[in-house]
Amino acid sequence: MGQIILRLDRVMADRKISLNELSEKVGVSNVNLSKMKNGKISAIRFSTLEAICDALDCQPGDILEYRKD
């Protein structure tokens, strides 16, 4: 079975946006965004994903990657 990899850190670096700035724009706590950035979550709400994509001007596929093992 494959694995979903979160690439939020890469997209944030490309956009030169800090965790604090993204947190303010998205309305999600720094702690939760940090967990997402480090791949320590098992689920994400579509509304959160939409807000992140809107703030970073990206597509879900830029943040999420499926890797077959």
N, C-alpha and C. Protein backbone atom coordinates (compact mmCIF):
# COMPACT_ATOMS: atom_id res chain seq x y z
N MET A 1 0.83 -1.19 0.00
CA MET A 1 0.00 0.00 0.00
C MET A 1 0.88 1.25 0.00
N GLY A 2 0.41 2.28 -0.67
CA GLY A 2 1.18 3.51 -0.80
C GLY A 2 1.06 4.42 0.41
N GLN A 3 1.59 5.61 0.22
CA GLN A 3 1.66 6.57 1.32
C GLN A 3 1.47 7.98 0.76
N ILE A 4 0.72 8.81 1.51
CA ILE A 4 0.55 10.21 1.15
C ILE A 4 1.64 11.01 1.86
N ILE A 5 2.39 11.78 1.11
CA ILE A 5 3.46 12.62 1.64
C ILE A 5 3.01 14.08 1.56
N LEU A 6 3.16 14.80 2.66
CA LEU A 6 2.82 16.23 2.68
C LEU A 6 4.05 17.04 2.28
N ARG A 7 3.86 17.93 1.34
CA ARG A 7 4.94 18.79 0.84
C ARG A 7 4.71 20.26 1.19
N LEU A 8 4.00 20.50 2.27
CA LEU A 8 3.69 21.87 2.68
C LEU A 8 4.96 22.68 2.91
N ASP A 9 5.96 22.07 3.51
CA ASP A 9 7.22 22.78 3.78
C ASP A 9 7.86 23.28 2.49
N ARG A 10 7.84 22.46 1.47
CA ARG A 10 8.44 22.83 0.18
C ARG A 10 7.69 23.99 -0.47
N VAL A 11 6.35 23.91 -0.45
CA VAL A 11 5.54 24.97 -1.07
C VAL A 11 5.70 26.27 -0.28
N MET A 12 5.74 26.18 1.04
CA MET A 12 5.94 27.38 1.86
C MET A 12 7.30 28.01 1.55
N ALA A 13 8.32 27.22 1.40
CA ALA A 13 9.65 27.73 1.09
C ALA A 13 9.67 28.39 -0.30
N ASP A 14 9.01 27.76 -1.27
CA ASP A 14 8.93 28.33 -2.61
C ASP A 14 8.23 29.69 -2.61
N ARG A 15 7.21 29.82 -1.75
CA ARG A 15 6.42 31.06 -1.68
C ARG A 15 7.01 32.06 -0.68
N LYS A 16 8.06 31.63 0.02
CA LYS A 16 8.71 32.48 1.04
C LYS A 16 7.71 32.99 2.07
N ILE A 17 6.95 32.06 2.64
CA ILE A 17 5.96 32.41 3.64
C ILE A 17 6.27 31.65 4.93
N SER A 18 6.16 32.34 6.05
CA SER A 18 6.47 31.73 7.33
C SER A 18 5.25 30.97 7.87
N LEU A 19 5.50 30.15 8.85
CA LEU A 19 4.44 29.40 9.52
C LEU A 19 3.44 30.36 10.16
N ASN A 20 3.95 31.40 10.81
CA ASN A 20 3.07 32.38 11.46
C ASN A 20 2.19 33.11 10.44
N GLU A 21 2.78 33.50 9.34
CA GLU A 21 2.03 34.22 8.30
C GLU A 21 0.95 33.32 7.70
N LEU A 22 1.30 32.07 7.41
CA LEU A 22 0.32 31.14 6.85
C LEU A 22 -0.78 30.86 7.86
N SER A 23 -0.42 30.72 9.10
CA SER A 23 -1.39 30.48 10.17
C SER A 23 -2.43 31.60 10.22
N GLU A 24 -1.98 32.83 10.13
CA GLU A 24 -2.88 33.98 10.15
C GLU A 24 -3.80 33.99 8.94
N LYS A 25 -3.26 33.70 7.76
CA LYS A 25 -4.05 33.72 6.53
C LYS A 25 -5.07 32.60 6.49
N VAL A 26 -4.72 31.43 7.03
CA VAL A 26 -5.56 30.25 6.92
C VAL A 26 -6.52 30.11 8.10
N GLY A 27 -6.13 30.66 9.24
CA GLY A 27 -6.97 30.52 10.43
C GLY A 27 -6.80 29.19 11.13
N VAL A 28 -5.61 28.62 11.01
CA VAL A 28 -5.26 27.35 11.66
C VAL A 28 -4.09 27.64 12.59
N SER A 29 -4.09 27.01 13.75
CA SER A 29 -3.04 27.29 14.73
C SER A 29 -1.66 26.90 14.21
N ASN A 30 -0.64 27.57 14.75
CA ASN A 30 0.75 27.25 14.40
C ASN A 30 1.06 25.78 14.68
N VAL A 31 0.55 25.29 15.80
CA VAL A 31 0.81 23.89 16.20
C VAL A 31 0.29 22.94 15.14
N ASN A 32 -0.95 23.14 14.69
CA ASN A 32 -1.52 22.24 13.69
C ASN A 32 -0.82 22.37 12.34
N LEU A 33 -0.47 23.58 11.95
CA LEU A 33 0.27 23.75 10.70
C LEU A 33 1.66 23.13 10.79
N SER A 34 2.28 23.24 11.93
CA SER A 34 3.59 22.64 12.13
C SER A 34 3.51 21.13 11.99
N LYS A 35 2.46 20.53 12.55
CA LYS A 35 2.27 19.08 12.40
C LYS A 35 2.08 18.71 10.94
N MET A 36 1.32 19.53 10.21
CA MET A 36 1.13 19.26 8.78
C MET A 36 2.45 19.39 8.04
N LYS A 37 3.18 20.44 8.36
CA LYS A 37 4.47 20.70 7.69
C LYS A 37 5.44 19.55 7.91
N ASN A 38 5.38 18.94 9.08
CA ASN A 38 6.29 17.84 9.41
C ASN A 38 5.71 16.45 9.14
N GLY A 39 4.52 16.41 8.52
CA GLY A 39 3.91 15.14 8.15
C GLY A 39 3.41 14.33 9.33
N LYS A 40 3.04 14.98 10.42
CA LYS A 40 2.62 14.29 11.64
C LYS A 40 1.10 14.22 11.78
N ILE A 41 0.37 14.30 10.67
CA ILE A 41 -1.09 14.22 10.73
C ILE A 41 -1.57 13.02 9.93
N SER A 42 -2.78 12.59 10.20
CA SER A 42 -3.34 11.45 9.47
C SER A 42 -4.55 11.85 8.64
N ALA A 43 -5.02 13.09 8.80
CA ALA A 43 -6.18 13.57 8.05
C ALA A 43 -6.11 15.09 7.91
N ILE A 44 -6.82 15.59 6.91
CA ILE A 44 -6.93 17.04 6.71
C ILE A 44 -8.33 17.33 6.17
N ARG A 45 -8.96 18.35 6.71
CA ARG A 45 -10.27 18.77 6.22
C ARG A 45 -10.12 19.44 4.87
N PHE A 46 -11.10 19.21 4.00
CA PHE A 46 -11.06 19.88 2.69
C PHE A 46 -11.07 21.39 2.87
N SER A 47 -11.82 21.90 3.84
CA SER A 47 -11.87 23.35 4.05
C SER A 47 -10.49 23.90 4.41
N THR A 48 -9.72 23.14 5.19
CA THR A 48 -8.36 23.56 5.54
C THR A 48 -7.46 23.51 4.32
N LEU A 49 -7.56 22.44 3.55
CA LEU A 49 -6.78 22.29 2.33
C LEU A 49 -7.10 23.42 1.35
N GLU A 50 -8.38 23.75 1.21
CA GLU A 50 -8.79 24.84 0.33
C GLU A 50 -8.19 26.17 0.79
N ALA A 51 -8.23 26.43 2.10
CA ALA A 51 -7.68 27.68 2.64
C ALA A 51 -6.17 27.77 2.42
N ILE A 52 -5.48 26.65 2.60
CA ILE A 52 -4.03 26.62 2.38
C ILE A 52 -3.71 26.87 0.91
N CYS A 53 -4.44 26.19 0.03
CA CYS A 53 -4.22 26.38 -1.41
C CYS A 53 -4.50 27.82 -1.83
N ASP A 54 -5.54 28.42 -1.24
CA ASP A 54 -5.87 29.81 -1.55
C ASP A 54 -4.74 30.74 -1.07
N ALA A 55 -4.26 30.53 0.15
CA ALA A 55 -3.21 31.38 0.73
C ALA A 55 -1.89 31.24 -0.02
N LEU A 56 -1.59 30.02 -0.48
CA LEU A 56 -0.31 29.77 -1.15
C LEU A 56 -0.42 29.83 -2.68
N ASP A 57 -1.63 30.07 -3.18
CA ASP A 57 -1.87 30.11 -4.63
C ASP A 57 -1.31 28.85 -5.30
N CYS A 58 -1.81 27.71 -4.83
CA CYS A 58 -1.32 26.43 -5.36
C CYS A 58 -2.48 25.45 -5.50
N GLN A 59 -2.20 24.30 -6.01
CA GLN A 59 -3.16 23.21 -6.16
C GLN A 59 -2.91 22.17 -5.07
N PRO A 60 -3.94 21.37 -4.71
CA PRO A 60 -3.73 20.31 -3.71
C PRO A 60 -2.57 19.37 -4.07
N GLY A 61 -2.40 19.11 -5.35
CA GLY A 61 -1.31 18.25 -5.81
C GLY A 61 0.07 18.81 -5.56
N ASP A 62 0.15 20.12 -5.33
CA ASP A 62 1.44 20.73 -4.98
C ASP A 62 1.82 20.41 -3.54
N ILE A 63 0.82 20.15 -2.71
CA ILE A 63 1.02 19.91 -1.28
C ILE A 63 1.03 18.42 -0.95
N LEU A 64 0.20 17.66 -1.67
CA LEU A 64 0.06 16.23 -1.40
C LEU A 64 0.70 15.41 -2.51
N GLU A 65 1.42 14.39 -2.12
CA GLU A 65 2.06 13.51 -3.08
C GLU A 65 1.78 12.07 -2.68
N TYR A 66 1.40 11.24 -3.65
CA TYR A 66 1.17 9.82 -3.38
C TYR A 66 2.40 9.04 -3.81
N ARG A 67 2.91 8.25 -2.90
CA ARG A 67 4.10 7.44 -3.17
C ARG A 67 3.78 5.97 -2.97
N LYS A 68 3.97 5.18 -4.02
CA LYS A 68 3.79 3.73 -3.92
C LYS A 68 5.00 3.11 -3.27
N ASP A 69 4.77 2.21 -2.35
CA ASP A 69 5.90 1.51 -1.71
C ASP A 69 6.31 0.29 -2.49
